[in-house]
Amino acid sequence: MARVKIYSTARCPICDKTKTLLDKWKIPYEEAKVDSNHGALREMSELTQGARTVPQIAIDGKWIGGFSELTMMHMDDELDELVEA
């Protein structure tokens, strides 16, 4: 299964919603809290070419975007292909 990583902060309701959906879809993920980990913030910034909002999501090191992009991929049946690859 592909490795999913979500960059989030401690007080982000959309981050919580994203993690809830990933759990519901039974997609394991790693979480990196950018508000308490400067290395994770730097990593997110490099991966996303400077995105400043959370959540940001990567699958196998490829940036896919945030919550909206994740749900669109799921609705278009693209998410299953990525996480099973």
PDB file of N, CA and C in Angstrom:
ATOM      1  N   MET A   1       0.846  -1.189   0.000  1.00  0.00           N
ATOM      2  CA  MET A   1       0.000   0.000   0.000  1.00  0.00           C
ATOM      3  C   MET A   1       0.884   1.242   0.000  1.00  0.00           C
ATOM      4  N   ALA A   2       0.425   2.275  -0.660  1.00  0.00           N
ATOM      5  CA  ALA A   2       1.174   3.518  -0.771  1.00  0.00           C
ATOM      6  C   ALA A   2       1.269   4.217   0.579  1.00  0.00           C
ATOM      7  N   ARG A   3       2.264   5.004   0.710  1.00  0.00           N
ATOM      8  CA  ARG A   3       2.434   5.761   1.938  1.00  0.00           C
ATOM      9  C   ARG A   3       1.781   7.127   1.793  1.00  0.00           C
ATOM     10  N   VAL A   4       0.825   7.431   2.655  1.00  0.00           N
ATOM     11  CA  VAL A   4       0.110   8.698   2.646  1.00  0.00           C
ATOM     12  C   VAL A   4       0.615   9.530   3.814  1.00  0.00           C
ATOM     13  N   LYS A   5       0.904  10.787   3.541  1.00  0.00           N
ATOM     14  CA  LYS A   5       1.369  11.684   4.594  1.00  0.00           C
ATOM     15  C   LYS A   5       0.506  12.935   4.566  1.00  0.00           C
ATOM     16  N   ILE A   6       0.030  13.323   5.743  1.00  0.00           N
ATOM     17  CA  ILE A   6      -0.774  14.532   5.865  1.00  0.00           C
ATOM     18  C   ILE A   6      -0.030  15.526   6.748  1.00  0.00           C
ATOM     19  N   TYR A   7       0.147  16.713   6.218  1.00  0.00           N
ATOM     20  CA  TYR A   7       0.765  17.805   6.972  1.00  0.00           C
ATOM     21  C   TYR A   7      -0.379  18.586   7.597  1.00  0.00           C
ATOM     22  N   SER A   8      -0.321  18.768   8.910  1.00  0.00           N
ATOM     23  CA  SER A   8      -1.438  19.381   9.629  1.00  0.00           C
ATOM     24  C   SER A   8      -0.929  20.244  10.775  1.00  0.00           C
ATOM     25  N   THR A   9      -1.887  20.829  11.479  1.00  0.00           N
ATOM     26  CA  THR A   9      -1.584  21.554  12.719  1.00  0.00           C
ATOM     27  C   THR A   9      -2.510  21.024  13.810  1.00  0.00           C
ATOM     28  N   ALA A  10      -2.199  21.380  15.028  1.00  0.00           N
ATOM     29  CA  ALA A  10      -2.968  20.877  16.165  1.00  0.00           C
ATOM     30  C   ALA A  10      -4.401  21.414  16.192  1.00  0.00           C
ATOM     31  N   ARG A  11      -4.606  22.617  15.695  1.00  0.00           N
ATOM     32  CA  ARG A  11      -5.940  23.237  15.758  1.00  0.00           C
ATOM     33  C   ARG A  11      -6.467  23.520  14.364  1.00  0.00           C
ATOM     34  N   CYS A  12      -6.755  22.463  13.646  1.00  0.00           N
ATOM     35  CA  CYS A  12      -7.227  22.598  12.270  1.00  0.00           C
ATOM     36  C   CYS A  12      -8.400  21.652  12.053  1.00  0.00           C
ATOM     37  N   PRO A  13      -9.622  22.178  12.031  1.00  0.00           N
ATOM     38  CA  PRO A  13     -10.782  21.306  11.866  1.00  0.00           C
ATOM     39  C   PRO A  13     -10.798  20.566  10.523  1.00  0.00           C
ATOM     40  N   ILE A  14     -10.277  21.183   9.469  1.00  0.00           N
ATOM     41  CA  ILE A  14     -10.251  20.501   8.172  1.00  0.00           C
ATOM     42  C   ILE A  14      -9.218  19.373   8.200  1.00  0.00           C
ATOM     43  N   CYS A  15      -8.133  19.556   8.928  1.00  0.00           N
ATOM     44  CA  CYS A  15      -7.156  18.475   9.102  1.00  0.00           C
ATOM     45  C   CYS A  15      -7.822  17.296   9.813  1.00  0.00           C
ATOM     46  N   ASP A  16      -8.570  17.599  10.867  1.00  0.00           N
ATOM     47  CA  ASP A  16      -9.276  16.540  11.595  1.00  0.00           C
ATOM     48  C   ASP A  16     -10.268  15.821  10.689  1.00  0.00           C
ATOM     49  N   LYS A  17     -10.974  16.579   9.869  1.00  0.00           N
ATOM     50  CA  LYS A  17     -11.935  15.992   8.943  1.00  0.00           C
ATOM     51  C   LYS A  17     -11.227  15.101   7.915  1.00  0.00           C
ATOM     52  N   THR A  18     -10.078  15.540   7.446  1.00  0.00           N
ATOM     53  CA  THR A  18      -9.289  14.755   6.484  1.00  0.00           C
ATOM     54  C   THR A  18      -8.848  13.437   7.107  1.00  0.00           C
ATOM     55  N   LYS A  19      -8.347  13.495   8.330  1.00  0.00           N
ATOM     56  CA  LYS A  19      -7.904  12.274   9.009  1.00  0.00           C
ATOM     57  C   LYS A  19      -9.080  11.331   9.268  1.00  0.00           C
ATOM     58  N   THR A  20     -10.236  11.897   9.615  1.00  0.00           N
ATOM     59  CA  THR A  20     -11.434  11.076   9.815  1.00  0.00           C
ATOM     60  C   THR A  20     -11.816  10.347   8.531  1.00  0.00           C
ATOM     61  N   LEU A  21     -11.771  11.062   7.400  1.00  0.00           N
ATOM     62  CA  LEU A  21     -12.091  10.419   6.122  1.00  0.00           C
ATOM     63  C   LEU A  21     -11.086   9.325   5.769  1.00  0.00           C
ATOM     64  N   LEU A  22      -9.805   9.592   5.965  1.00  0.00           N
ATOM     65  CA  LEU A  22      -8.791   8.569   5.682  1.00  0.00           C
ATOM     66  C   LEU A  22      -9.027   7.337   6.546  1.00  0.00           C
ATOM     67  N   ASP A  23      -9.359   7.552   7.806  1.00  0.00           N
ATOM     68  CA  ASP A  23      -9.672   6.427   8.692  1.00  0.00           C
ATOM     69  C   ASP A  23     -10.914   5.676   8.188  1.00  0.00           C
ATOM     70  N   LYS A  24     -11.942   6.420   7.792  1.00  0.00           N
ATOM     71  CA  LYS A  24     -13.183   5.814   7.288  1.00  0.00           C
ATOM     72  C   LYS A  24     -12.913   4.977   6.039  1.00  0.00           C
ATOM     73  N   TRP A  25     -12.054   5.484   5.171  1.00  0.00           N
ATOM     74  CA  TRP A  25     -11.715   4.777   3.934  1.00  0.00           C
ATOM     75  C   TRP A  25     -10.654   3.700   4.158  1.00  0.00           C
ATOM     76  N   LYS A  26     -10.221   3.555   5.438  1.00  0.00           N
ATOM     77  CA  LYS A  26      -9.209   2.561   5.822  1.00  0.00           C
ATOM     78  C   LYS A  26      -7.893   2.754   5.065  1.00  0.00           C
ATOM     79  N   ILE A  27      -7.499   4.014   4.956  1.00  0.00           N
ATOM     80  CA  ILE A  27      -6.232   4.365   4.323  1.00  0.00           C
ATOM     81  C   ILE A  27      -5.274   4.807   5.425  1.00  0.00           C
ATOM     82  N   PRO A  28      -4.245   4.015   5.691  1.00  0.00           N
ATOM     83  CA  PRO A  28      -3.289   4.412   6.726  1.00  0.00           C
ATOM     84  C   PRO A  28      -2.503   5.648   6.284  1.00  0.00           C
ATOM     85  N   TYR A  29      -2.114   6.455   7.247  1.00  0.00           N
ATOM     86  CA  TYR A  29      -1.391   7.682   6.936  1.00  0.00           C
ATOM     87  C   TYR A  29      -0.414   8.014   8.051  1.00  0.00           C
ATOM     88  N   GLU A  30       0.539   8.821   7.687  1.00  0.00           N
ATOM     89  CA  GLU A  30       1.484   9.389   8.651  1.00  0.00           C
ATOM     90  C   GLU A  30       1.128  10.864   8.767  1.00  0.00           C
ATOM     91  N   GLU A  31       1.151  11.375   9.979  1.00  0.00           N
ATOM     92  CA  GLU A  31       0.829  12.784  10.188  1.00  0.00           C
ATOM     93  C   GLU A  31       2.080  13.544  10.594  1.00  0.00           C
ATOM     94  N   ALA A  32       2.267  14.718  10.005  1.00  0.00           N
ATOM     95  CA  ALA A  32       3.374  15.604  10.362  1.00  0.00           C
ATOM     96  C   ALA A  32       2.768  16.941  10.780  1.00  0.00           C
ATOM     97  N   LYS A  33       2.932  17.281  12.043  1.00  0.00           N
ATOM     98  CA  LYS A  33       2.365  18.531  12.565  1.00  0.00           C
ATOM     99  C   LYS A  33       3.365  19.668  12.334  1.00  0.00           C
ATOM    100  N   VAL A  34       3.014  20.529  11.410  1.00  0.00           N
ATOM    101  CA  VAL A  34       3.936  21.583  11.006  1.00  0.00           C
ATOM    102  C   VAL A  34       4.010  22.740  12.000  1.00  0.00           C
ATOM    103  N   ASP A  35       3.067  22.811  12.923  1.00  0.00           N
ATOM    104  CA  ASP A  35       3.116  23.884  13.921  1.00  0.00           C
ATOM    105  C   ASP A  35       4.066  23.573  15.066  1.00  0.00           C
ATOM    106  N   SER A  36       4.453  22.334  15.225  1.00  0.00           N
ATOM    107  CA  SER A  36       5.366  21.972  16.313  1.00  0.00           C
ATOM    108  C   SER A  36       6.647  21.311  15.817  1.00  0.00           C
ATOM    109  N   ASN A  37       6.773  21.138  14.507  1.00  0.00           N
ATOM    110  CA  ASN A  37       7.946  20.465  13.949  1.00  0.00           C
ATOM    111  C   ASN A  37       8.452  21.285  12.757  1.00  0.00           C
ATOM    112  N   HIS A  38       9.537  22.028  12.990  1.00  0.00           N
ATOM    113  CA  HIS A  38      10.073  22.903  11.941  1.00  0.00           C
ATOM    114  C   HIS A  38      10.581  22.121  10.741  1.00  0.00           C
ATOM    115  N   GLY A  39      11.085  20.911  10.978  1.00  0.00           N
ATOM    116  CA  GLY A  39      11.530  20.059   9.879  1.00  0.00           C
ATOM    117  C   GLY A  39      10.360  19.666   8.982  1.00  0.00           C
ATOM    118  N   ALA A  40       9.222  19.357   9.597  1.00  0.00           N
ATOM    119  CA  ALA A  40       8.023  19.000   8.833  1.00  0.00           C
ATOM    120  C   ALA A  40       7.511  20.209   8.047  1.00  0.00           C
ATOM    121  N   LEU A  41       7.587  21.391   8.650  1.00  0.00           N
ATOM    122  CA  LEU A  41       7.166  22.609   7.957  1.00  0.00           C
ATOM    123  C   LEU A  41       8.050  22.856   6.737  1.00  0.00           C
ATOM    124  N   ARG A  42       9.341  22.697   6.903  1.00  0.00           N
ATOM    125  CA  ARG A  42      10.285  22.874   5.800  1.00  0.00           C
ATOM    126  C   ARG A  42      10.015  21.849   4.696  1.00  0.00           C
ATOM    127  N   GLU A  43       9.798  20.589   5.114  1.00  0.00           N
ATOM    128  CA  GLU A  43       9.503  19.518   4.157  1.00  0.00           C
ATOM    129  C   GLU A  43       8.227  19.814   3.379  1.00  0.00           C
ATOM    130  N   MET A  44       7.178  20.256   4.070  1.00  0.00           N
ATOM    131  CA  MET A  44       5.914  20.584   3.410  1.00  0.00           C
ATOM    132  C   MET A  44       6.108  21.735   2.431  1.00  0.00           C
ATOM    133  N   SER A  45       6.853  22.738   2.833  1.00  0.00           N
ATOM    134  CA  SER A  45       7.082  23.896   1.985  1.00  0.00           C
ATOM    135  C   SER A  45       7.819  23.513   0.702  1.00  0.00           C
ATOM    136  N   GLU A  46       8.811  22.653   0.830  1.00  0.00           N
ATOM    137  CA  GLU A  46       9.556  22.201  -0.350  1.00  0.00           C
ATOM    138  C   GLU A  46       8.672  21.346  -1.257  1.00  0.00           C
ATOM    139  N   LEU A  47       7.918  20.426  -0.669  1.00  0.00           N
ATOM    140  CA  LEU A  47       7.071  19.521  -1.440  1.00  0.00           C
ATOM    141  C   LEU A  47       5.986  20.281  -2.206  1.00  0.00           C
ATOM    142  N   THR A  48       5.389  21.269  -1.548  1.00  0.00           N
ATOM    143  CA  THR A  48       4.240  21.976  -2.119  1.00  0.00           C
ATOM    144  C   THR A  48       4.629  23.267  -2.826  1.00  0.00           C
ATOM    145  N   GLN A  49       5.913  23.537  -2.921  1.00  0.00           N
ATOM    146  CA  GLN A  49       6.421  24.768  -3.526  1.00  0.00           C
ATOM    147  C   GLN A  49       5.878  26.000  -2.816  1.00  0.00           C
ATOM    148  N   GLY A  50       5.824  25.904  -1.486  1.00  0.00           N
ATOM    149  CA  GLY A  50       5.506  27.058  -0.662  1.00  0.00           C
ATOM    150  C   GLY A  50       4.086  27.183  -0.151  1.00  0.00           C
ATOM    151  N   ALA A  51       3.291  26.120  -0.215  1.00  0.00           N
ATOM    152  CA  ALA A  51       1.926  26.202   0.317  1.00  0.00           C
ATOM    153  C   ALA A  51       1.970  26.582   1.793  1.00  0.00           C
ATOM    154  N   ARG A  52       1.024  27.405   2.198  1.00  0.00           N
ATOM    155  CA  ARG A  52       1.014  27.888   3.574  1.00  0.00           C
ATOM    156  C   ARG A  52      -0.235  27.473   4.331  1.00  0.00           C
ATOM    157  N   THR A  53      -1.077  26.650   3.722  1.00  0.00           N
ATOM    158  CA  THR A  53      -2.294  26.198   4.387  1.00  0.00           C
ATOM    159  C   THR A  53      -2.220  24.699   4.638  1.00  0.00           C
ATOM    160  N   VAL A  54      -2.994  24.256   5.604  1.00  0.00           N
ATOM    161  CA  VAL A  54      -3.091  22.829   5.906  1.00  0.00           C
ATOM    162  C   VAL A  54      -4.554  22.440   5.849  1.00  0.00           C
ATOM    163  N   PRO A  55      -4.840  21.196   5.594  1.00  0.00           N
ATOM    164  CA  PRO A  55      -3.901  20.099   5.397  1.00  0.00           C
ATOM    165  C   PRO A  55      -3.307  20.100   3.987  1.00  0.00           C
ATOM    166  N   GLN A  56      -2.134  19.527   3.894  1.00  0.00           N
ATOM    167  CA  GLN A  56      -1.502  19.230   2.616  1.00  0.00           C
ATOM    168  C   GLN A  56      -1.246  17.731   2.639  1.00  0.00           C
ATOM    169  N   ILE A  57      -1.484  17.071   1.520  1.00  0.00           N
ATOM    170  CA  ILE A  57      -1.417  15.610   1.483  1.00  0.00           C
ATOM    171  C   ILE A  57      -0.476  15.157   0.383  1.00  0.00           C
ATOM    172  N   ALA A  58       0.339  14.162   0.706  1.00  0.00           N
ATOM    173  CA  ALA A  58       1.257  13.559  -0.265  1.00  0.00           C
ATOM    174  C   ALA A  58       1.034  12.055  -0.263  1.00  0.00           C
ATOM    175  N   ILE A  59       1.135  11.465  -1.437  1.00  0.00           N
ATOM    176  CA  ILE A  59       1.078  10.011  -1.579  1.00  0.00           C
ATOM    177  C   ILE A  59       2.367   9.580  -2.246  1.00  0.00           C
ATOM    178  N   ASP A  60       3.128   8.747  -1.543  1.00  0.00           N
ATOM    179  CA  ASP A  60       4.446   8.311  -2.018  1.00  0.00           C
ATOM    180  C   ASP A  60       5.326   9.492  -2.408  1.00  0.00           C
ATOM    181  N   GLY A  61       5.282  10.539  -1.600  1.00  0.00           N
ATOM    182  CA  GLY A  61       6.122  11.705  -1.839  1.00  0.00           C
ATOM    183  C   GLY A  61       5.628  12.634  -2.927  1.00  0.00           C
ATOM    184  N   LYS A  62       4.483  12.333  -3.537  1.00  0.00           N
ATOM    185  CA  LYS A  62       3.915  13.188  -4.580  1.00  0.00           C
ATOM    186  C   LYS A  62       2.785  14.006  -3.968  1.00  0.00           C
ATOM    187  N   TRP A  63       2.890  15.307  -4.069  1.00  0.00           N
ATOM    188  CA  TRP A  63       1.892  16.209  -3.512  1.00  0.00           C
ATOM    189  C   TRP A  63       0.608  16.127  -4.322  1.00  0.00           C
ATOM    190  N   ILE A  64      -0.515  15.886  -3.628  1.00  0.00           N
ATOM    191  CA  ILE A  64      -1.801  15.835  -4.335  1.00  0.00           C
ATOM    192  C   ILE A  64      -2.676  17.038  -4.011  1.00  0.00           C
ATOM    193  N   GLY A  65      -2.350  17.797  -2.974  1.00  0.00           N
ATOM    194  CA  GLY A  65      -3.132  18.968  -2.599  1.00  0.00           C
ATOM    195  C   GLY A  65      -3.683  18.835  -1.199  1.00  0.00           C
ATOM    196  N   GLY A  66      -4.866  19.399  -1.001  1.00  0.00           N
ATOM    197  CA  GLY A  66      -5.481  19.409   0.315  1.00  0.00           C
ATOM    198  C   GLY A  66      -6.748  18.576   0.373  1.00  0.00           C
ATOM    199  N   PHE A  67      -7.627  18.949   1.296  1.00  0.00           N
ATOM    200  CA  PHE A  67      -8.863  18.204   1.530  1.00  0.00           C
ATOM    201  C   PHE A  67      -9.732  18.120   0.274  1.00  0.00           C
ATOM    202  N   SER A  68      -9.914  19.235  -0.410  1.00  0.00           N
ATOM    203  CA  SER A  68     -10.766  19.249  -1.607  1.00  0.00           C
ATOM    204  C   SER A  68     -10.243  18.313  -2.683  1.00  0.00           C
ATOM    205  N   GLU A  69      -8.939  18.348  -2.909  1.00  0.00           N
ATOM    206  CA  GLU A  69      -8.336  17.484  -3.927  1.00  0.00           C
ATOM    207  C   GLU A  69      -8.452  16.016  -3.533  1.00  0.00           C
ATOM    208  N   LEU A  70      -8.289  15.743  -2.249  1.00  0.00           N
ATOM    209  CA  LEU A  70      -8.418  14.363  -1.765  1.00  0.00           C
ATOM    210  C   LEU A  70      -9.832  13.836  -2.006  1.00  0.00           C
ATOM    211  N   THR A  71     -10.833  14.621  -1.664  1.00  0.00           N
ATOM    212  CA  THR A  71     -12.208  14.153  -1.850  1.00  0.00           C
ATOM    213  C   THR A  71     -12.566  14.039  -3.333  1.00  0.00           C
ATOM    214  N   MET A  72     -12.058  14.952  -4.149  1.00  0.00           N
ATOM    215  CA  MET A  72     -12.301  14.855  -5.600  1.00  0.00           C
ATOM    216  C   MET A  72     -11.673  13.574  -6.161  1.00  0.00           C
ATOM    217  N   MET A  73     -10.467  13.264  -5.723  1.00  0.00           N
ATOM    218  CA  MET A  73      -9.812  12.035  -6.186  1.00  0.00           C
ATOM    219  C   MET A  73     -10.630  10.816  -5.776  1.00  0.00           C
ATOM    220  N   HIS A  74     -11.168  10.854  -4.566  1.00  0.00           N
ATOM    221  CA  HIS A  74     -11.988   9.733  -4.099  1.00  0.00           C
ATOM    222  C   HIS A  74     -13.264   9.609  -4.934  1.00  0.00           C
ATOM    223  N   MET A  75     -13.918  10.723  -5.200  1.00  0.00           N
ATOM    224  CA  MET A  75     -15.158  10.688  -5.983  1.00  0.00           C
ATOM    225  C   MET A  75     -14.906  10.246  -7.423  1.00  0.00           C
ATOM    226  N   ASP A  76     -13.726  10.550  -7.946  1.00  0.00           N
ATOM    227  CA  ASP A  76     -13.374  10.164  -9.317  1.00  0.00           C
ATOM    228  C   ASP A  76     -12.715   8.784  -9.389  1.00  0.00           C
ATOM    229  N   ASP A  77     -12.717   8.052  -8.265  1.00  0.00           N
ATOM    230  CA  ASP A  77     -12.101   6.720  -8.181  1.00  0.00           C
ATOM    231  C   ASP A  77     -10.619   6.714  -8.527  1.00  0.00           C
ATOM    232  N   GLU A  78      -9.942   7.833  -8.325  1.00  0.00           N
ATOM    233  CA  GLU A  78      -8.500   7.913  -8.568  1.00  0.00           C
ATOM    234  C   GLU A  78      -7.704   7.588  -7.313  1.00  0.00           C
ATOM    235  N   LEU A  79      -8.307   7.762  -6.157  1.00  0.00           N
ATOM    236  CA  LEU A  79      -7.590   7.574  -4.900  1.00  0.00           C
ATOM    237  C   LEU A  79      -7.233   6.116  -4.690  1.00  0.00           C
ATOM    238  N   ASP A  80      -8.167   5.219  -4.971  1.00  0.00           N
ATOM    239  CA  ASP A  80      -7.893   3.789  -4.806  1.00  0.00           C
ATOM    240  C   ASP A  80      -6.713   3.348  -5.646  1.00  0.00           C
ATOM    241  N   GLU A  81      -6.648   3.844  -6.878  1.00  0.00           N
ATOM    242  CA  GLU A  81      -5.542   3.482  -7.764  1.00  0.00           C
ATOM    243  C   GLU A  81      -4.204   3.923  -7.184  1.00  0.00           C
ATOM    244  N   LEU A  82      -4.167   5.140  -6.629  1.00  0.00           N
ATOM    245  CA  LEU A  82      -2.914   5.656  -6.088  1.00  0.00           C
ATOM    246  C   LEU A  82      -2.456   4.906  -4.846  1.00  0.00           C
ATOM    247  N   VAL A  83      -3.371   4.664  -3.923  1.00  0.00           N
ATOM    248  CA  VAL A  83      -2.947   4.039  -2.666  1.00  0.00           C
ATOM    249  C   VAL A  83      -2.698   2.548  -2.824  1.00  0.00           C
ATOM    250  N   GLU A  84      -3.236   1.930  -3.875  1.00  0.00           N
ATOM    251  CA  GLU A  84      -2.987   0.509  -4.100  1.00  0.00           C
ATOM    252  C   GLU A  84      -1.784   0.256  -4.981  1.00  0.00           C
ATOM    253  N   ALA A  85      -1.282   1.304  -5.645  1.00  0.00           N
ATOM    254  CA  ALA A  85      -0.148   1.132  -6.570  1.00  0.00           C
ATOM    255  C   ALA A  85       1.106   0.715  -5.831  1.00  0.00           C
TER     256      ALA A  85
END
